[in-house]
PDB file of N, CA and C in Angstrom:
ATOM      1  N   MET A   1     -65.625 -30.857  45.748  1.00  0.00           N
ATOM      2  CA  MET A   1     -66.565 -30.126  44.919  1.00  0.00           C
ATOM      3  C   MET A   1     -67.489 -31.133  44.245  1.00  0.00           C
ATOM      4  N   GLU A   2     -68.746 -30.909  44.313  1.00  0.00           N
ATOM      5  CA  GLU A   2     -69.718 -31.811  43.697  1.00  0.00           C
ATOM      6  C   GLU A   2     -69.752 -31.625  42.186  1.00  0.00           C
ATOM      7  N   ASN A   3     -70.114 -32.690  41.494  1.00  0.00           N
ATOM      8  CA  ASN A   3     -70.283 -32.665  40.041  1.00  0.00           C
ATOM      9  C   ASN A   3     -69.039 -32.144  39.323  1.00  0.00           C
ATOM     10  N   GLN A   4     -67.888 -32.565  39.784  1.00  0.00           N
ATOM     11  CA  GLN A   4     -66.658 -32.063  39.195  1.00  0.00           C
ATOM     12  C   GLN A   4     -66.492 -32.467  37.741  1.00  0.00           C
ATOM     13  N   ASP A   5     -67.058 -33.609  37.365  1.00  0.00           N
ATOM     14  CA  ASP A   5     -66.947 -34.050  35.983  1.00  0.00           C
ATOM     15  C   ASP A   5     -67.920 -33.340  35.059  1.00  0.00           C
ATOM     16  N   LYS A   6     -68.828 -32.610  35.631  1.00  0.00           N
ATOM     17  CA  LYS A   6     -69.832 -31.911  34.846  1.00  0.00           C
ATOM     18  C   LYS A   6     -69.223 -30.671  34.207  1.00  0.00           C
ATOM     19  N   ASN A   7     -69.528 -30.435  32.962  1.00  0.00           N
ATOM     20  CA  ASN A   7     -69.014 -29.277  32.265  1.00  0.00           C
ATOM     21  C   ASN A   7     -70.047 -28.161  32.304  1.00  0.00           C
ATOM     22  N   ALA A   8     -70.664 -27.966  33.447  1.00  0.00           N
ATOM     23  CA  ALA A   8     -71.777 -27.050  33.636  1.00  0.00           C
ATOM     24  C   ALA A   8     -71.484 -25.643  33.120  1.00  0.00           C
ATOM     25  N   ASN A   9     -70.682 -24.912  33.797  1.00  0.00           N
ATOM     26  CA  ASN A   9     -70.434 -23.524  33.396  1.00  0.00           C
ATOM     27  C   ASN A   9     -69.083 -23.364  32.721  1.00  0.00           C
ATOM     28  N   GLY A  10     -68.614 -24.426  32.104  1.00  0.00           N
ATOM     29  CA  GLY A  10     -67.321 -24.375  31.455  1.00  0.00           C
ATOM     30  C   GLY A  10     -66.174 -24.446  32.445  1.00  0.00           C
ATOM     31  N   ASN A  11     -66.464 -24.755  33.688  1.00  0.00           N
ATOM     32  CA  ASN A  11     -65.422 -24.789  34.701  1.00  0.00           C
ATOM     33  C   ASN A  11     -64.502 -25.991  34.539  1.00  0.00           C
ATOM     34  N   VAL A  12     -65.055 -27.118  34.172  1.00  0.00           N
ATOM     35  CA  VAL A  12     -64.257 -28.325  33.995  1.00  0.00           C
ATOM     36  C   VAL A  12     -64.462 -28.806  32.565  1.00  0.00           C
ATOM     37  N   ASN A  13     -63.414 -28.732  31.791  1.00  0.00           N
ATOM     38  CA  ASN A  13     -63.526 -29.122  30.394  1.00  0.00           C
ATOM     39  C   ASN A  13     -62.947 -30.521  30.232  1.00  0.00           C
ATOM     40  N   THR A  14     -63.810 -31.485  30.011  1.00  0.00           N
ATOM     41  CA  THR A  14     -63.370 -32.869  29.879  1.00  0.00           C
ATOM     42  C   THR A  14     -63.130 -33.246  28.426  1.00  0.00           C
ATOM     43  N   ASN A  15     -63.350 -32.334  27.493  1.00  0.00           N
ATOM     44  CA  ASN A  15     -63.198 -32.634  26.077  1.00  0.00           C
ATOM     45  C   ASN A  15     -61.885 -32.131  25.500  1.00  0.00           C
ATOM     46  N   VAL A  16     -60.927 -31.807  26.337  1.00  0.00           N
ATOM     47  CA  VAL A  16     -59.652 -31.293  25.865  1.00  0.00           C
ATOM     48  C   VAL A  16     -58.775 -32.468  25.433  1.00  0.00           C
ATOM     49  N   GLU A  17     -58.248 -32.374  24.229  1.00  0.00           N
ATOM     50  CA  GLU A  17     -57.353 -33.407  23.728  1.00  0.00           C
ATOM     51  C   GLU A  17     -56.037 -33.339  24.499  1.00  0.00           C
ATOM     52  N   PRO A  18     -55.420 -34.475  24.755  1.00  0.00           N
ATOM     53  CA  PRO A  18     -54.108 -34.437  25.421  1.00  0.00           C
ATOM     54  C   PRO A  18     -53.066 -33.835  24.487  1.00  0.00           C
ATOM     55  N   PRO A  19     -52.002 -33.275  25.038  1.00  0.00           N
ATOM     56  CA  PRO A  19     -50.967 -32.692  24.174  1.00  0.00           C
ATOM     57  C   PRO A  19     -50.229 -33.793  23.421  1.00  0.00           C
ATOM     58  N   THR A  20     -49.719 -33.443  22.269  1.00  0.00           N
ATOM     59  CA  THR A  20     -48.958 -34.421  21.493  1.00  0.00           C
ATOM     60  C   THR A  20     -47.572 -34.597  22.104  1.00  0.00           C
ATOM     61  N   GLN A  21     -46.952 -35.706  21.795  1.00  0.00           N
ATOM     62  CA  GLN A  21     -45.590 -35.956  22.265  1.00  0.00           C
ATOM     63  C   GLN A  21     -44.648 -34.891  21.718  1.00  0.00           C
ATOM     64  N   GLU A  22     -44.913 -34.465  20.498  1.00  0.00           N
ATOM     65  CA  GLU A  22     -44.101 -33.421  19.864  1.00  0.00           C
ATOM     66  C   GLU A  22     -44.202 -32.115  20.660  1.00  0.00           C
ATOM     67  N   TYR A  23     -45.412 -31.764  21.094  1.00  0.00           N
ATOM     68  CA  TYR A  23     -45.598 -30.545  21.887  1.00  0.00           C
ATOM     69  C   TYR A  23     -44.823 -30.635  23.196  1.00  0.00           C
ATOM     70  N   LEU A  24     -44.909 -31.791  23.857  1.00  0.00           N
ATOM     71  CA  LEU A  24     -44.201 -31.967  25.123  1.00  0.00           C
ATOM     72  C   LEU A  24     -42.693 -31.867  24.918  1.00  0.00           C
ATOM     73  N   GLN A  25     -42.197 -32.429  23.827  1.00  0.00           N
ATOM     74  CA  GLN A  25     -40.768 -32.356  23.526  1.00  0.00           C
ATOM     75  C   GLN A  25     -40.347 -30.910  23.269  1.00  0.00           C
ATOM     76  N   GLN A  26     -41.148 -30.170  22.512  1.00  0.00           N
ATOM     77  CA  GLN A  26     -40.834 -28.768  22.233  1.00  0.00           C
ATOM     78  C   GLN A  26     -40.812 -27.949  23.522  1.00  0.00           C
ATOM     79  N   LEU A  27     -41.742 -28.239  24.404  1.00  0.00           N
ATOM     80  CA  LEU A  27     -41.804 -27.538  25.685  1.00  0.00           C
ATOM     81  C   LEU A  27     -40.538 -27.806  26.496  1.00  0.00           C
ATOM     82  N   GLN A  28     -40.099 -29.061  26.526  1.00  0.00           N
ATOM     83  CA  GLN A  28     -38.866 -29.413  27.230  1.00  0.00           C
ATOM     84  C   GLN A  28     -37.666 -28.676  26.621  1.00  0.00           C
ATOM     85  N   GLU A  29     -37.614 -28.625  25.291  1.00  0.00           N
ATOM     86  CA  GLU A  29     -36.503 -27.948  24.618  1.00  0.00           C
ATOM     87  C   GLU A  29     -36.496 -26.454  24.911  1.00  0.00           C
ATOM     88  N   GLN A  30     -37.676 -25.840  24.918  1.00  0.00           N
ATOM     89  CA  GLN A  30     -37.770 -24.414  25.236  1.00  0.00           C
ATOM     90  C   GLN A  30     -37.320 -24.148  26.665  1.00  0.00           C
ATOM     91  N   ALA A  31     -37.729 -25.017  27.567  1.00  0.00           N
ATOM     92  CA  ALA A  31     -37.369 -24.859  28.972  1.00  0.00           C
ATOM     93  C   ALA A  31     -35.861 -25.012  29.161  1.00  0.00           C
ATOM     94  N   LEU A  32     -35.273 -26.012  28.490  1.00  0.00           N
ATOM     95  CA  LEU A  32     -33.824 -26.207  28.585  1.00  0.00           C
ATOM     96  C   LEU A  32     -33.061 -25.035  27.986  1.00  0.00           C
ATOM     97  N   ALA A  33     -33.539 -24.531  26.864  1.00  0.00           N
ATOM     98  CA  ALA A  33     -32.888 -23.384  26.233  1.00  0.00           C
ATOM     99  C   ALA A  33     -32.942 -22.162  27.147  1.00  0.00           C
ATOM    100  N   ALA A  34     -34.031 -22.007  27.857  1.00  0.00           N
ATOM    101  CA  ALA A  34     -34.189 -20.858  28.754  1.00  0.00           C
ATOM    102  C   ALA A  34     -33.197 -20.906  29.907  1.00  0.00           C
ATOM    103  N   THR A  35     -32.774 -22.100  30.293  1.00  0.00           N
ATOM    104  CA  THR A  35     -31.844 -22.209  31.421  1.00  0.00           C
ATOM    105  C   THR A  35     -30.429 -21.777  31.047  1.00  0.00           C
ATOM    106  N   LYS A  36     -30.159 -21.624  29.753  1.00  0.00           N
ATOM    107  CA  LYS A  36     -28.835 -21.161  29.340  1.00  0.00           C
ATOM    108  C   LYS A  36     -28.638 -19.684  29.655  1.00  0.00           C
ATOM    109  N   ASP A  37     -29.717 -18.920  29.588  1.00  0.00           N
ATOM    110  CA  ASP A  37     -29.634 -17.481  29.865  1.00  0.00           C
ATOM    111  C   ASP A  37     -30.206 -17.113  31.234  1.00  0.00           C
ATOM    112  N   GLU A  38     -31.049 -17.960  31.750  1.00  0.00           N
ATOM    113  CA  GLU A  38     -31.710 -17.704  33.040  1.00  0.00           C
ATOM    114  C   GLU A  38     -31.473 -18.905  33.947  1.00  0.00           C
ATOM    115  N   ASP A  39     -31.999 -18.852  35.156  1.00  0.00           N
ATOM    116  CA  ASP A  39     -31.856 -20.017  36.025  1.00  0.00           C
ATOM    117  C   ASP A  39     -32.970 -21.025  35.753  1.00  0.00           C
ATOM    118  N   ALA A  40     -32.894 -22.165  36.422  1.00  0.00           N
ATOM    119  CA  ALA A  40     -33.814 -23.274  36.157  1.00  0.00           C
ATOM    120  C   ALA A  40     -35.265 -22.924  36.448  1.00  0.00           C
ATOM    121  N   THR A  41     -35.507 -21.994  37.362  1.00  0.00           N
ATOM    122  CA  THR A  41     -36.901 -21.648  37.677  1.00  0.00           C
ATOM    123  C   THR A  41     -37.600 -21.031  36.470  1.00  0.00           C
ATOM    124  N   PHE A  42     -36.842 -20.386  35.602  1.00  0.00           N
ATOM    125  CA  PHE A  42     -37.437 -19.823  34.394  1.00  0.00           C
ATOM    126  C   PHE A  42     -37.912 -20.941  33.467  1.00  0.00           C
ATOM    127  N   GLY A  43     -37.119 -21.995  33.342  1.00  0.00           N
ATOM    128  CA  GLY A  43     -37.509 -23.151  32.548  1.00  0.00           C
ATOM    129  C   GLY A  43     -38.724 -23.854  33.128  1.00  0.00           C
ATOM    130  N   GLU A  44     -38.759 -23.962  34.449  1.00  0.00           N
ATOM    131  CA  GLU A  44     -39.917 -24.569  35.118  1.00  0.00           C
ATOM    132  C   GLU A  44     -41.181 -23.770  34.823  1.00  0.00           C
ATOM    133  N   GLN A  45     -41.051 -22.451  34.823  1.00  0.00           N
ATOM    134  CA  GLN A  45     -42.207 -21.599  34.547  1.00  0.00           C
ATOM    135  C   GLN A  45     -42.729 -21.819  33.134  1.00  0.00           C
ATOM    136  N   ILE A  46     -41.837 -22.014  32.183  1.00  0.00           N
ATOM    137  CA  ILE A  46     -42.253 -22.287  30.797  1.00  0.00           C
ATOM    138  C   ILE A  46     -43.091 -23.562  30.751  1.00  0.00           C
ATOM    139  N   ILE A  47     -42.654 -24.586  31.465  1.00  0.00           N
ATOM    140  CA  ILE A  47     -43.396 -25.855  31.486  1.00  0.00           C
ATOM    141  C   ILE A  47     -44.750 -25.667  32.162  1.00  0.00           C
ATOM    142  N   ARG A  48     -44.770 -24.998  33.293  1.00  0.00           N
ATOM    143  CA  ARG A  48     -46.037 -24.766  34.005  1.00  0.00           C
ATOM    144  C   ARG A  48     -47.042 -24.010  33.129  1.00  0.00           C
ATOM    145  N   GLU A  49     -46.578 -22.957  32.473  1.00  0.00           N
ATOM    146  CA  GLU A  49     -47.473 -22.168  31.624  1.00  0.00           C
ATOM    147  C   GLU A  49     -47.929 -22.964  30.400  1.00  0.00           C
ATOM    148  N   GLY A  50     -47.031 -23.740  29.845  1.00  0.00           N
ATOM    149  CA  GLY A  50     -47.354 -24.524  28.654  1.00  0.00           C
ATOM    150  C   GLY A  50     -48.338 -25.651  28.919  1.00  0.00           C
ATOM    151  N   LEU A  51     -48.417 -26.079  30.184  1.00  0.00           N
ATOM    152  CA  LEU A  51     -49.298 -27.195  30.525  1.00  0.00           C
ATOM    153  C   LEU A  51     -50.484 -26.779  31.393  1.00  0.00           C
ATOM    154  N   GLN A  52     -50.844 -25.513  31.383  1.00  0.00           N
ATOM    155  CA  GLN A  52     -51.983 -25.056  32.182  1.00  0.00           C
ATOM    156  C   GLN A  52     -53.259 -25.804  31.840  1.00  0.00           C
ATOM    157  N   THR A  53     -53.407 -26.179  30.584  1.00  0.00           N
ATOM    158  CA  THR A  53     -54.602 -26.900  30.151  1.00  0.00           C
ATOM    159  C   THR A  53     -54.604 -28.333  30.653  1.00  0.00           C
ATOM    160  N   TRP A  54     -53.409 -28.858  30.957  1.00  0.00           N
ATOM    161  CA  TRP A  54     -53.257 -30.241  31.402  1.00  0.00           C
ATOM    162  C   TRP A  54     -52.491 -30.276  32.734  1.00  0.00           C
ATOM    163  N   PRO A  55     -53.079 -29.785  33.798  1.00  0.00           N
ATOM    164  CA  PRO A  55     -52.346 -29.693  35.077  1.00  0.00           C
ATOM    165  C   PRO A  55     -51.866 -31.039  35.607  1.00  0.00           C
ATOM    166  N   GLN A  56     -52.526 -32.113  35.217  1.00  0.00           N
ATOM    167  CA  GLN A  56     -52.118 -33.436  35.694  1.00  0.00           C
ATOM    168  C   GLN A  56     -50.764 -33.856  35.121  1.00  0.00           C
ATOM    169  N   LEU A  57     -50.291 -33.184  34.086  1.00  0.00           N
ATOM    170  CA  LEU A  57     -49.012 -33.532  33.466  1.00  0.00           C
ATOM    171  C   LEU A  57     -47.843 -32.705  33.991  1.00  0.00           C
ATOM    172  N   ILE A  58     -48.137 -31.649  34.724  1.00  0.00           N
ATOM    173  CA  ILE A  58     -47.085 -30.716  35.139  1.00  0.00           C
ATOM    174  C   ILE A  58     -46.001 -31.403  35.962  1.00  0.00           C
ATOM    175  N   ASP A  59     -46.379 -32.162  36.976  1.00  0.00           N
ATOM    176  CA  ASP A  59     -45.378 -32.789  37.844  1.00  0.00           C
ATOM    177  C   ASP A  59     -44.460 -33.736  37.069  1.00  0.00           C
ATOM    178  N   ALA A  60     -45.036 -34.538  36.190  1.00  0.00           N
ATOM    179  CA  ALA A  60     -44.229 -35.489  35.419  1.00  0.00           C
ATOM    180  C   ALA A  60     -43.262 -34.758  34.486  1.00  0.00           C
ATOM    181  N   GLU A  61     -43.742 -33.723  33.819  1.00  0.00           N
ATOM    182  CA  GLU A  61     -42.883 -32.987  32.892  1.00  0.00           C
ATOM    183  C   GLU A  61     -41.820 -32.190  33.640  1.00  0.00           C
ATOM    184  N   LEU A  62     -42.157 -31.658  34.807  1.00  0.00           N
ATOM    185  CA  LEU A  62     -41.146 -30.964  35.609  1.00  0.00           C
ATOM    186  C   LEU A  62     -40.078 -31.957  36.069  1.00  0.00           C
ATOM    187  N   GLY A  63     -40.493 -33.167  36.395  1.00  0.00           N
ATOM    188  CA  GLY A  63     -39.540 -34.200  36.787  1.00  0.00           C
ATOM    189  C   GLY A  63     -38.558 -34.507  35.667  1.00  0.00           C
ATOM    190  N   LYS A  64     -39.073 -34.635  34.449  1.00  0.00           N
ATOM    191  CA  LYS A  64     -38.211 -34.888  33.295  1.00  0.00           C
ATOM    192  C   LYS A  64     -37.234 -33.732  33.090  1.00  0.00           C
ATOM    193  N   PHE A  65     -37.750 -32.522  33.219  1.00  0.00           N
ATOM    194  CA  PHE A  65     -36.931 -31.325  33.046  1.00  0.00           C
ATOM    195  C   PHE A  65     -35.813 -31.284  34.083  1.00  0.00           C
ATOM    196  N   LYS A  66     -36.142 -31.542  35.321  1.00  0.00           N
ATOM    197  CA  LYS A  66     -35.143 -31.508  36.395  1.00  0.00           C
ATOM    198  C   LYS A  66     -34.087 -32.599  36.189  1.00  0.00           C
ATOM    199  N   ASP A  67     -34.502 -33.751  35.703  1.00  0.00           N
ATOM    200  CA  ASP A  67     -33.546 -34.822  35.407  1.00  0.00           C
ATOM    201  C   ASP A  67     -32.566 -34.368  34.320  1.00  0.00           C
ATOM    202  N   LYS A  68     -33.083 -33.724  33.286  1.00  0.00           N
ATOM    203  CA  LYS A  68     -32.237 -33.273  32.180  1.00  0.00           C
ATOM    204  C   LYS A  68     -31.239 -32.210  32.621  1.00  0.00           C
ATOM    205  N   ILE A  69     -31.686 -31.258  33.433  1.00  0.00           N
ATOM    206  CA  ILE A  69     -30.750 -30.195  33.833  1.00  0.00           C
ATOM    207  C   ILE A  69     -29.735 -30.691  34.858  1.00  0.00           C
ATOM    208  N   SER A  70     -30.080 -31.696  35.620  1.00  0.00           N
ATOM    209  CA  SER A  70     -29.124 -32.221  36.591  1.00  0.00           C
ATOM    210  C   SER A  70     -28.035 -33.048  35.907  1.00  0.00           C
ATOM    211  N   LYS A  71     -28.349 -33.603  34.739  1.00  0.00           N
ATOM    212  CA  LYS A  71     -27.381 -34.406  33.985  1.00  0.00           C
ATOM    213  C   LYS A  71     -26.505 -33.542  33.084  1.00  0.00           C
ATOM    214  N   GLY A  72     -27.048 -32.379  32.700  1.00  0.00           N
ATOM    215  CA  GLY A  72     -26.326 -31.595  31.708  1.00  0.00           C
ATOM    216  C   GLY A  72     -25.690 -30.392  32.242  1.00  0.00           C
TER     217      GLY A  72
END
């Protein structure tokens, strides 16, 4: 796609602040808590929805989540 960095019609927002470490930690905790009553895919969905604004972080945060549930 041409001009991907351009914020022409609001399609690509380059002025979004990154999430705080506290937000990421809370998201992980919510996802882990959800796995107590539901299966792991429910926790993954919480992370995906929570990081829609920052799609580049989804894979890394899902990796952390999967590591935590495999250990616990």
